[in-house]
């Protein structure tokens, strides 16, 4: 694995993002996607939903649906 250190202002932007962050180079070419870890509140909410009825999808299916929007 390669480790890249970003400047603190870039790190702050990633930390404050509500969802995934697309990384691009100076020409706008996609380098990758950063997904921040879920917050404690998001984890608690997800745990509270466990066992509830309704449609179920995998995480990969959910990401694919979101990215298709």
N, C-alpha and C. Protein backbone atom coordinates (compact mmCIF):
# COMPACT_ATOMS: atom_id res chain seq x y z
N UNK A 1 0.85 -1.17 0.00
CA UNK A 1 0.00 0.00 0.00
C UNK A 1 0.89 1.23 0.00
N UNK A 2 0.46 2.23 -0.74
CA UNK A 2 1.17 3.51 -0.78
C UNK A 2 0.46 4.47 0.18
N UNK A 3 1.25 5.21 0.93
CA UNK A 3 0.69 6.18 1.87
C UNK A 3 0.99 7.58 1.35
N UNK A 4 -0.05 8.39 1.22
CA UNK A 4 0.08 9.77 0.75
C UNK A 4 -0.39 10.70 1.86
N UNK A 5 0.44 11.65 2.22
CA UNK A 5 0.08 12.63 3.23
C UNK A 5 -0.47 13.86 2.55
N UNK A 6 -1.66 14.28 2.96
CA UNK A 6 -2.27 15.47 2.37
C UNK A 6 -2.11 16.65 3.33
N UNK A 7 -2.19 17.84 2.77
CA UNK A 7 -2.08 19.04 3.59
C UNK A 7 -3.27 19.12 4.54
N UNK A 8 -3.08 19.82 5.64
CA UNK A 8 -4.12 19.86 6.68
C UNK A 8 -5.44 20.44 6.19
N UNK A 9 -5.41 21.42 5.27
CA UNK A 9 -6.67 21.98 4.77
C UNK A 9 -7.44 20.94 3.94
N UNK A 10 -6.73 20.11 3.21
CA UNK A 10 -7.37 19.03 2.44
C UNK A 10 -7.93 17.98 3.39
N UNK A 11 -7.17 17.62 4.40
CA UNK A 11 -7.63 16.65 5.39
C UNK A 11 -8.89 17.15 6.08
N UNK A 12 -8.94 18.43 6.41
CA UNK A 12 -10.13 19.01 7.04
C UNK A 12 -11.35 18.92 6.13
N UNK A 13 -11.16 19.17 4.84
CA UNK A 13 -12.27 19.06 3.89
C UNK A 13 -12.80 17.64 3.84
N UNK A 14 -11.93 16.67 3.86
CA UNK A 14 -12.33 15.26 3.84
C UNK A 14 -13.08 14.92 5.12
N UNK A 15 -12.56 15.34 6.26
CA UNK A 15 -13.21 15.05 7.54
C UNK A 15 -14.60 15.65 7.64
N UNK A 16 -14.81 16.82 7.04
CA UNK A 16 -16.08 17.52 7.14
C UNK A 16 -17.09 17.10 6.08
N UNK A 17 -16.69 16.24 5.17
CA UNK A 17 -17.59 15.81 4.09
C UNK A 17 -18.74 14.98 4.65
N UNK A 18 -19.91 15.16 4.06
CA UNK A 18 -21.09 14.39 4.46
C UNK A 18 -21.12 13.01 3.83
N UNK A 19 -20.34 12.80 2.81
CA UNK A 19 -20.35 11.51 2.11
C UNK A 19 -18.98 11.25 1.53
N UNK A 20 -18.98 10.59 0.40
CA UNK A 20 -17.71 10.25 -0.22
C UNK A 20 -17.09 11.49 -0.87
N UNK A 21 -15.78 11.45 -1.04
CA UNK A 21 -15.02 12.55 -1.64
C UNK A 21 -14.28 12.00 -2.85
N UNK A 22 -14.45 12.67 -3.98
CA UNK A 22 -13.74 12.26 -5.19
C UNK A 22 -12.41 13.01 -5.26
N UNK A 23 -11.32 12.29 -5.44
CA UNK A 23 -10.01 12.90 -5.60
C UNK A 23 -9.68 12.97 -7.08
N UNK A 24 -9.27 14.15 -7.55
CA UNK A 24 -8.93 14.34 -8.95
C UNK A 24 -7.58 15.04 -9.05
N UNK A 25 -6.92 14.87 -10.20
CA UNK A 25 -5.66 15.58 -10.42
C UNK A 25 -5.95 16.95 -10.99
N UNK A 26 -4.89 17.69 -11.34
CA UNK A 26 -5.05 19.07 -11.83
C UNK A 26 -5.80 19.16 -13.15
N UNK A 27 -5.91 18.03 -13.88
CA UNK A 27 -6.65 18.00 -15.14
C UNK A 27 -8.08 17.50 -14.96
N UNK A 28 -8.44 17.17 -13.73
CA UNK A 28 -9.79 16.68 -13.46
C UNK A 28 -9.96 15.18 -13.61
N UNK A 29 -8.84 14.47 -13.83
CA UNK A 29 -8.91 13.01 -13.95
C UNK A 29 -9.09 12.38 -12.57
N UNK A 30 -10.03 11.46 -12.48
CA UNK A 30 -10.32 10.82 -11.20
C UNK A 30 -9.14 9.96 -10.75
N UNK A 31 -8.74 10.19 -9.51
CA UNK A 31 -7.68 9.40 -8.89
C UNK A 31 -8.26 8.33 -7.97
N UNK A 32 -9.38 8.65 -7.36
CA UNK A 32 -9.99 7.70 -6.44
C UNK A 32 -11.08 8.34 -5.62
N UNK A 33 -11.64 7.53 -4.74
CA UNK A 33 -12.73 7.96 -3.86
C UNK A 33 -12.30 7.73 -2.42
N UNK A 34 -12.59 8.69 -1.57
CA UNK A 34 -12.33 8.55 -0.14
C UNK A 34 -13.69 8.46 0.54
N UNK A 35 -13.85 7.45 1.35
CA UNK A 35 -15.06 7.32 2.15
C UNK A 35 -14.66 7.44 3.61
N UNK A 36 -15.21 8.42 4.28
CA UNK A 36 -14.86 8.61 5.68
C UNK A 36 -15.51 7.52 6.52
N UNK A 37 -14.92 7.19 7.65
CA UNK A 37 -15.54 6.20 8.53
C UNK A 37 -16.85 6.75 9.09
N UNK A 38 -17.80 5.89 9.40
CA UNK A 38 -19.06 6.38 9.97
C UNK A 38 -18.85 6.96 11.36
N UNK A 39 -19.67 7.94 11.70
CA UNK A 39 -19.61 8.54 13.03
C UNK A 39 -20.27 7.60 14.03
N UNK A 40 -20.07 7.87 15.31
CA UNK A 40 -20.70 7.07 16.36
C UNK A 40 -22.22 7.14 16.25
N UNK A 41 -22.77 8.32 15.92
CA UNK A 41 -24.21 8.47 15.74
C UNK A 41 -24.73 7.63 14.57
N UNK A 42 -23.97 7.63 13.46
CA UNK A 42 -24.38 6.83 12.30
C UNK A 42 -24.35 5.34 12.61
N UNK A 43 -23.36 4.91 13.36
CA UNK A 43 -23.28 3.50 13.76
C UNK A 43 -24.45 3.14 14.66
N UNK A 44 -24.75 4.00 15.62
CA UNK A 44 -25.87 3.75 16.53
C UNK A 44 -27.18 3.67 15.77
N UNK A 45 -27.38 4.58 14.82
CA UNK A 45 -28.61 4.57 14.01
C UNK A 45 -28.71 3.27 13.22
N UNK A 46 -27.61 2.86 12.61
CA UNK A 46 -27.61 1.62 11.83
C UNK A 46 -27.93 0.42 12.72
N UNK A 47 -27.36 0.39 13.91
CA UNK A 47 -27.63 -0.70 14.83
C UNK A 47 -29.10 -0.71 15.26
N UNK A 48 -29.68 0.47 15.40
CA UNK A 48 -31.09 0.55 15.80
C UNK A 48 -32.02 0.02 14.72
N UNK A 49 -31.56 0.03 13.49
CA UNK A 49 -32.37 -0.44 12.36
C UNK A 49 -32.26 -1.94 12.14
N UNK A 50 -31.31 -2.58 12.79
CA UNK A 50 -31.12 -4.02 12.62
C UNK A 50 -32.37 -4.75 13.10
N UNK A 51 -32.77 -5.75 12.35
CA UNK A 51 -33.93 -6.55 12.73
C UNK A 51 -35.25 -5.95 12.30
N UNK A 52 -35.26 -4.75 11.74
CA UNK A 52 -36.49 -4.13 11.27
C UNK A 52 -36.89 -4.74 9.94
N UNK A 53 -38.16 -4.74 9.64
CA UNK A 53 -38.63 -5.28 8.37
C UNK A 53 -38.42 -4.24 7.27
N UNK A 54 -38.47 -4.69 6.07
CA UNK A 54 -38.30 -3.81 4.93
C UNK A 54 -37.24 -4.34 3.99
N UNK A 55 -37.05 -3.67 2.86
CA UNK A 55 -36.06 -4.15 1.89
C UNK A 55 -34.64 -4.08 2.46
N UNK A 56 -33.85 -5.06 2.12
CA UNK A 56 -32.47 -5.12 2.60
C UNK A 56 -31.54 -5.14 1.38
N UNK A 57 -30.45 -4.42 1.47
CA UNK A 57 -29.44 -4.40 0.41
C UNK A 57 -28.08 -4.48 1.07
N UNK A 58 -27.11 -4.97 0.32
CA UNK A 58 -25.74 -5.00 0.83
C UNK A 58 -25.14 -3.60 0.73
N UNK A 59 -24.03 -3.39 1.41
CA UNK A 59 -23.34 -2.10 1.34
C UNK A 59 -22.93 -1.79 -0.09
N UNK A 60 -22.40 -2.80 -0.81
CA UNK A 60 -21.98 -2.60 -2.19
C UNK A 60 -23.16 -2.22 -3.08
N UNK A 61 -24.33 -2.84 -2.86
CA UNK A 61 -25.52 -2.48 -3.63
C UNK A 61 -25.95 -1.04 -3.34
N UNK A 62 -25.86 -0.65 -2.08
CA UNK A 62 -26.21 0.71 -1.70
C UNK A 62 -25.29 1.72 -2.36
N UNK A 63 -23.99 1.48 -2.31
CA UNK A 63 -23.02 2.38 -2.95
C UNK A 63 -23.28 2.48 -4.45
N UNK A 64 -23.55 1.36 -5.08
CA UNK A 64 -23.83 1.36 -6.52
C UNK A 64 -25.06 2.19 -6.84
N UNK A 65 -26.09 2.07 -6.01
CA UNK A 65 -27.31 2.88 -6.23
C UNK A 65 -27.02 4.36 -6.07
N UNK A 66 -26.29 4.72 -5.03
CA UNK A 66 -25.97 6.12 -4.78
C UNK A 66 -25.11 6.69 -5.91
N UNK A 67 -24.13 5.93 -6.35
CA UNK A 67 -23.24 6.42 -7.42
C UNK A 67 -23.97 6.55 -8.75
N UNK A 68 -25.06 5.81 -8.93
CA UNK A 68 -25.80 5.88 -10.20
C UNK A 68 -26.68 7.12 -10.28
N UNK A 69 -26.87 7.82 -9.16
CA UNK A 69 -27.74 9.01 -9.14
C UNK A 69 -27.09 10.21 -9.76
